[in-house]
Amino acid sequence: MMLKKNLNARLVKLPANIELILYMIKKELKSTKLFNGLARVRLDDCYFQSNFGTLILAYLGFDERPDDLHEFYKNLIDRYSEKIKADNNVIMKCAFEVHVEIMMEKKNSMPDS
């Protein structure tokens, strides 16, 4: 019985900066899902949508953030926001996958040294 209770325990403690980034990505995914849903029913004239993209990209070490990087980020958030549902585990998994994809983009965009 004790084993079943501990299955949701985290196996690895992430650094605080990664925890913060994942938290912001989770909030961004939920906000995007909400506002995309509102836009589908033509309630899209709202100035209150959060946009953590620039902050998240800065925290992830992107010194320069050109328009194509922001477009990549926006498309990534839009795509993953469609996958989430009202389940923290699902949202966390999507946030982690977004983080991984952004880091792969960073690696691919870096000039060969």
N, C-alpha and C. Protein backbone atom coordinates (compact mmCIF):
# COMPACT_ATOMS: atom_id res chain seq x y z
N MET A 1 0.82 -1.19 0.00
CA MET A 1 0.00 0.00 0.00
C MET A 1 0.87 1.25 0.00
N MET A 2 1.96 1.22 0.74
CA MET A 2 2.86 2.37 0.81
C MET A 2 3.48 2.64 -0.56
N LEU A 3 3.77 1.60 -1.31
CA LEU A 3 4.37 1.76 -2.64
C LEU A 3 3.46 2.55 -3.56
N LYS A 4 2.19 2.24 -3.57
CA LYS A 4 1.25 2.94 -4.44
C LYS A 4 1.19 4.43 -4.10
N LYS A 5 1.25 4.75 -2.85
CA LYS A 5 1.19 6.15 -2.41
C LYS A 5 2.41 6.94 -2.89
N ASN A 6 3.56 6.30 -3.01
CA ASN A 6 4.80 6.98 -3.37
C ASN A 6 5.09 6.98 -4.86
N LEU A 7 4.22 6.45 -5.68
CA LEU A 7 4.47 6.41 -7.12
C LEU A 7 4.53 7.79 -7.74
N ASN A 8 3.85 8.76 -7.18
CA ASN A 8 3.87 10.12 -7.71
C ASN A 8 5.01 10.95 -7.16
N ALA A 9 5.82 10.39 -6.27
CA ALA A 9 6.95 11.12 -5.71
C ALA A 9 7.98 11.38 -6.81
N ARG A 10 8.57 12.55 -6.75
CA ARG A 10 9.57 12.91 -7.75
C ARG A 10 10.86 12.15 -7.48
N LEU A 11 11.48 11.68 -8.55
CA LEU A 11 12.71 10.93 -8.42
C LEU A 11 13.93 11.85 -8.39
N VAL A 12 13.80 13.04 -8.96
CA VAL A 12 14.93 13.96 -9.07
C VAL A 12 14.49 15.34 -8.62
N LYS A 13 15.33 16.00 -7.85
CA LYS A 13 15.08 17.38 -7.46
C LYS A 13 15.72 18.26 -8.52
N LEU A 14 14.90 19.07 -9.18
CA LEU A 14 15.40 19.95 -10.23
C LEU A 14 15.96 21.23 -9.62
N PRO A 15 16.93 21.84 -10.29
CA PRO A 15 17.44 23.13 -9.81
C PRO A 15 16.31 24.17 -9.79
N ALA A 16 16.44 25.13 -8.89
CA ALA A 16 15.39 26.15 -8.70
C ALA A 16 15.10 26.91 -9.98
N ASN A 17 16.13 27.21 -10.77
CA ASN A 17 15.87 27.97 -12.00
C ASN A 17 15.06 27.16 -13.00
N ILE A 18 15.26 25.86 -13.06
CA ILE A 18 14.47 25.00 -13.96
C ILE A 18 13.05 24.89 -13.44
N GLU A 19 12.89 24.76 -12.11
CA GLU A 19 11.56 24.73 -11.51
C GLU A 19 10.78 26.00 -11.87
N LEU A 20 11.44 27.16 -11.81
CA LEU A 20 10.80 28.42 -12.15
C LEU A 20 10.40 28.45 -13.62
N ILE A 21 11.28 28.01 -14.49
CA ILE A 21 10.98 27.99 -15.92
C ILE A 21 9.79 27.06 -16.20
N LEU A 22 9.81 25.88 -15.62
CA LEU A 22 8.69 24.95 -15.82
C LEU A 22 7.39 25.52 -15.28
N TYR A 23 7.45 26.21 -14.16
CA TYR A 23 6.27 26.85 -13.60
C TYR A 23 5.71 27.89 -14.58
N MET A 24 6.60 28.72 -15.14
CA MET A 24 6.14 29.74 -16.09
C MET A 24 5.59 29.10 -17.36
N ILE A 25 6.20 28.03 -17.83
CA ILE A 25 5.70 27.34 -19.02
C ILE A 25 4.32 26.76 -18.73
N LYS A 26 4.13 26.15 -17.55
CA LYS A 26 2.81 25.62 -17.19
C LYS A 26 1.76 26.72 -17.22
N LYS A 27 2.07 27.86 -16.63
CA LYS A 27 1.12 28.98 -16.63
C LYS A 27 0.85 29.46 -18.04
N GLU A 28 1.88 29.51 -18.87
CA GLU A 28 1.73 29.94 -20.26
C GLU A 28 0.84 28.97 -21.03
N LEU A 29 1.02 27.67 -20.82
CA LEU A 29 0.19 26.67 -21.49
C LEU A 29 -1.28 26.82 -21.10
N LYS A 30 -1.55 26.96 -19.80
CA LYS A 30 -2.93 27.09 -19.35
C LYS A 30 -3.57 28.38 -19.86
N SER A 31 -2.83 29.46 -19.81
CA SER A 31 -3.34 30.74 -20.30
C SER A 31 -3.63 30.68 -21.79
N THR A 32 -2.72 30.09 -22.54
CA THR A 32 -2.90 29.98 -23.99
C THR A 32 -4.11 29.12 -24.31
N LYS A 33 -4.28 28.02 -23.59
CA LYS A 33 -5.45 27.16 -23.82
C LYS A 33 -6.74 27.96 -23.60
N LEU A 34 -6.79 28.71 -22.51
CA LEU A 34 -7.96 29.52 -22.21
C LEU A 34 -8.22 30.56 -23.30
N PHE A 35 -7.22 31.34 -23.65
CA PHE A 35 -7.42 32.41 -24.62
C PHE A 35 -7.66 31.89 -26.03
N ASN A 36 -7.06 30.76 -26.40
CA ASN A 36 -7.36 30.16 -27.70
C ASN A 36 -8.81 29.68 -27.74
N GLY A 37 -9.31 29.13 -26.63
CA GLY A 37 -10.71 28.73 -26.55
C GLY A 37 -11.64 29.92 -26.67
N LEU A 38 -11.30 31.01 -26.01
CA LEU A 38 -12.10 32.23 -26.12
C LEU A 38 -12.09 32.77 -27.55
N ALA A 39 -10.94 32.69 -28.20
CA ALA A 39 -10.84 33.18 -29.58
C ALA A 39 -11.71 32.37 -30.52
N ARG A 40 -11.84 31.06 -30.25
CA ARG A 40 -12.69 30.22 -31.11
C ARG A 40 -14.15 30.62 -31.06
N VAL A 41 -14.57 31.23 -29.95
CA VAL A 41 -15.95 31.70 -29.85
C VAL A 41 -16.01 33.23 -30.02
N ARG A 42 -14.99 33.75 -30.67
CA ARG A 42 -14.89 35.17 -31.05
C ARG A 42 -14.84 36.13 -29.86
N LEU A 43 -14.25 35.69 -28.78
CA LEU A 43 -14.01 36.56 -27.63
C LEU A 43 -12.50 36.78 -27.51
N ASP A 44 -11.93 37.38 -28.53
CA ASP A 44 -10.48 37.47 -28.59
C ASP A 44 -9.92 38.89 -28.49
N ASP A 45 -10.73 39.83 -28.16
CA ASP A 45 -10.26 41.20 -28.04
C ASP A 45 -9.94 41.49 -26.57
N CYS A 46 -8.81 40.90 -26.11
CA CYS A 46 -8.47 41.01 -24.69
C CYS A 46 -6.99 41.33 -24.54
N TYR A 47 -6.71 42.28 -23.67
CA TYR A 47 -5.34 42.68 -23.42
C TYR A 47 -4.74 42.02 -22.18
N PHE A 48 -5.42 41.08 -21.59
CA PHE A 48 -5.01 40.54 -20.31
C PHE A 48 -4.26 39.22 -20.40
N GLN A 49 -3.97 38.74 -21.59
CA GLN A 49 -3.26 37.48 -21.72
C GLN A 49 -1.80 37.68 -21.35
N SER A 50 -1.32 36.82 -20.46
CA SER A 50 0.09 36.90 -20.08
C SER A 50 0.95 36.42 -21.24
N ASN A 51 2.16 36.91 -21.27
CA ASN A 51 3.11 36.48 -22.29
C ASN A 51 4.48 36.39 -21.62
N PHE A 52 4.83 35.18 -21.22
CA PHE A 52 6.10 34.96 -20.56
C PHE A 52 7.21 34.54 -21.52
N GLY A 53 6.92 34.53 -22.81
CA GLY A 53 7.87 34.02 -23.79
C GLY A 53 9.24 34.67 -23.72
N THR A 54 9.29 35.99 -23.71
CA THR A 54 10.57 36.68 -23.67
C THR A 54 11.33 36.34 -22.39
N LEU A 55 10.63 36.32 -21.27
CA LEU A 55 11.24 36.00 -19.99
C LEU A 55 11.75 34.56 -19.96
N ILE A 56 10.95 33.63 -20.43
CA ILE A 56 11.34 32.22 -20.45
C ILE A 56 12.56 32.02 -21.33
N LEU A 57 12.55 32.61 -22.51
CA LEU A 57 13.69 32.47 -23.42
C LEU A 57 14.95 33.09 -22.83
N ALA A 58 14.80 34.21 -22.13
CA ALA A 58 15.96 34.84 -21.48
C ALA A 58 16.50 33.93 -20.37
N TYR A 59 15.61 33.37 -19.55
CA TYR A 59 16.04 32.47 -18.49
C TYR A 59 16.72 31.22 -19.05
N LEU A 60 16.34 30.81 -20.24
CA LEU A 60 16.94 29.63 -20.85
C LEU A 60 18.24 29.95 -21.58
N GLY A 61 18.67 31.19 -21.52
CA GLY A 61 19.99 31.54 -22.04
C GLY A 61 20.04 32.04 -23.46
N PHE A 62 18.90 32.41 -24.02
CA PHE A 62 18.91 32.99 -25.36
C PHE A 62 19.28 34.47 -25.22
N ASP A 63 20.52 34.80 -25.55
CA ASP A 63 20.95 36.20 -25.46
C ASP A 63 20.25 37.06 -26.49
N GLU A 64 20.06 36.50 -27.67
CA GLU A 64 19.34 37.20 -28.74
C GLU A 64 18.03 36.46 -28.96
N ARG A 65 16.97 37.22 -29.17
CA ARG A 65 15.66 36.61 -29.37
C ARG A 65 15.01 37.21 -30.61
N PRO A 66 15.44 36.75 -31.80
CA PRO A 66 14.87 37.29 -33.03
C PRO A 66 13.42 36.85 -33.21
N ASP A 67 12.76 37.48 -34.17
CA ASP A 67 11.34 37.20 -34.42
C ASP A 67 11.08 35.73 -34.71
N ASP A 68 11.97 35.07 -35.45
CA ASP A 68 11.72 33.66 -35.76
C ASP A 68 11.79 32.77 -34.51
N LEU A 69 12.57 33.16 -33.51
CA LEU A 69 12.60 32.42 -32.26
C LEU A 69 11.28 32.60 -31.51
N HIS A 70 10.78 33.83 -31.50
CA HIS A 70 9.49 34.07 -30.85
C HIS A 70 8.37 33.33 -31.57
N GLU A 71 8.45 33.28 -32.89
CA GLU A 71 7.44 32.53 -33.67
C GLU A 71 7.52 31.04 -33.34
N PHE A 72 8.74 30.49 -33.25
CA PHE A 72 8.93 29.10 -32.86
C PHE A 72 8.30 28.85 -31.49
N TYR A 73 8.59 29.74 -30.53
CA TYR A 73 8.06 29.60 -29.17
C TYR A 73 6.53 29.67 -29.17
N LYS A 74 5.97 30.63 -29.86
CA LYS A 74 4.51 30.79 -29.90
C LYS A 74 3.85 29.55 -30.49
N ASN A 75 4.39 29.04 -31.59
CA ASN A 75 3.84 27.83 -32.22
C ASN A 75 3.95 26.63 -31.29
N LEU A 76 5.06 26.53 -30.58
CA LEU A 76 5.27 25.43 -29.63
C LEU A 76 4.24 25.49 -28.50
N ILE A 77 4.05 26.68 -27.93
CA ILE A 77 3.07 26.85 -26.86
C ILE A 77 1.65 26.57 -27.37
N ASP A 78 1.32 27.07 -28.55
CA ASP A 78 0.00 26.80 -29.13
C ASP A 78 -0.23 25.30 -29.30
N ARG A 79 0.77 24.61 -29.85
CA ARG A 79 0.64 23.17 -30.10
C ARG A 79 0.46 22.39 -28.80
N TYR A 80 1.28 22.68 -27.81
CA TYR A 80 1.19 21.94 -26.55
C TYR A 80 -0.01 22.35 -25.71
N SER A 81 -0.48 23.58 -25.86
CA SER A 81 -1.67 23.98 -25.10
C SER A 81 -2.89 23.18 -25.53
N GLU A 82 -2.90 22.73 -26.77
CA GLU A 82 -4.01 21.89 -27.24
C GLU A 82 -3.97 20.51 -26.62
N LYS A 83 -2.82 20.08 -26.15
CA LYS A 83 -2.67 18.74 -25.58
C LYS A 83 -3.03 18.67 -24.10
N ILE A 84 -3.06 19.81 -23.42
CA ILE A 84 -3.27 19.76 -21.97
C ILE A 84 -4.74 19.59 -21.63
N LYS A 85 -4.96 19.08 -20.44
CA LYS A 85 -6.30 18.97 -19.87
C LYS A 85 -6.18 19.27 -18.39
N ALA A 86 -7.27 19.28 -17.69
CA ALA A 86 -7.28 19.66 -16.27
C ALA A 86 -6.66 18.56 -15.42
N ASP A 87 -5.40 18.33 -15.61
CA ASP A 87 -4.65 17.31 -14.88
C ASP A 87 -3.22 17.82 -14.74
N ASN A 88 -2.81 18.11 -13.51
CA ASN A 88 -1.49 18.69 -13.28
C ASN A 88 -0.37 17.84 -13.85
N ASN A 89 -0.50 16.52 -13.80
CA ASN A 89 0.55 15.65 -14.35
C ASN A 89 0.68 15.82 -15.85
N VAL A 90 -0.44 15.95 -16.54
CA VAL A 90 -0.42 16.15 -17.99
C VAL A 90 0.21 17.51 -18.32
N ILE A 91 -0.20 18.53 -17.57
CA ILE A 91 0.34 19.87 -17.81
C ILE A 91 1.84 19.89 -17.53
N MET A 92 2.27 19.25 -16.47
CA MET A 92 3.69 19.21 -16.13
C MET A 92 4.48 18.48 -17.20
N LYS A 93 3.94 17.38 -17.71
CA LYS A 93 4.62 16.63 -18.76
C LYS A 93 4.76 17.49 -20.01
N CYS A 94 3.71 18.20 -20.37
CA CYS A 94 3.77 19.08 -21.54
C CYS A 94 4.76 20.22 -21.32
N ALA A 95 4.78 20.79 -20.13
CA ALA A 95 5.74 21.87 -19.82
C ALA A 95 7.16 21.36 -19.95
N PHE A 96 7.40 20.16 -19.46
CA PHE A 96 8.75 19.58 -19.58
C PHE A 96 9.11 19.34 -21.05
N GLU A 97 8.16 18.84 -21.83
CA GLU A 97 8.42 18.61 -23.26
C GLU A 97 8.69 19.93 -24.00
N VAL A 98 7.96 20.98 -23.64
CA VAL A 98 8.21 22.30 -24.22
C VAL A 98 9.63 22.74 -23.88
N HIS A 99 10.01 22.57 -22.63
CA HIS A 99 11.36 22.94 -22.19
C HIS A 99 12.41 22.19 -23.01
N VAL A 100 12.22 20.90 -23.19
CA VAL A 100 13.17 20.09 -23.95
C VAL A 100 13.25 20.58 -25.40
N GLU A 101 12.10 20.86 -26.02
CA GLU A 101 12.11 21.32 -27.40
C GLU A 101 12.80 22.67 -27.55
N ILE A 102 12.60 23.55 -26.57
CA ILE A 102 13.27 24.85 -26.62
C ILE A 102 14.79 24.66 -26.49
N MET A 103 15.21 23.78 -25.60
CA MET A 103 16.64 23.54 -25.43
C MET A 103 17.24 22.89 -26.68
N MET A 104 16.49 22.03 -27.36
CA MET A 104 16.97 21.45 -28.62
C MET A 104 17.11 22.54 -29.68
N GLU A 105 16.14 23.47 -29.72
CA GLU A 105 16.21 24.58 -30.66
C GLU A 105 17.45 25.44 -30.35
N LYS A 106 17.70 25.65 -29.08
CA LYS A 106 18.90 26.43 -28.69
C LYS A 106 20.16 25.74 -29.17
N LYS A 107 20.25 24.43 -28.94
CA LYS A 107 21.42 23.67 -29.36
C LYS A 107 21.58 23.71 -30.87
N ASN A 108 20.47 23.57 -31.60
CA ASN A 108 20.53 23.56 -33.07
C ASN A 108 20.85 24.92 -33.65
N SER A 109 20.52 25.98 -32.93
CA SER A 109 20.75 27.34 -33.46
C SER A 109 22.13 27.87 -33.12
N MET A 110 22.85 27.18 -32.25
CA MET A 110 24.18 27.63 -31.88
C MET A 110 25.18 27.29 -32.98
N PRO A 111 26.05 28.25 -33.31
CA PRO A 111 27.06 27.95 -34.32
C PRO A 111 28.03 26.89 -33.80
N ASP A 112 28.52 26.07 -34.72
CA ASP A 112 29.48 25.03 -34.33
C ASP A 112 30.75 25.69 -33.81
N SER A 113 31.22 25.17 -32.70
CA SER A 113 32.45 25.73 -32.10
C SER A 113 33.63 24.86 -32.40
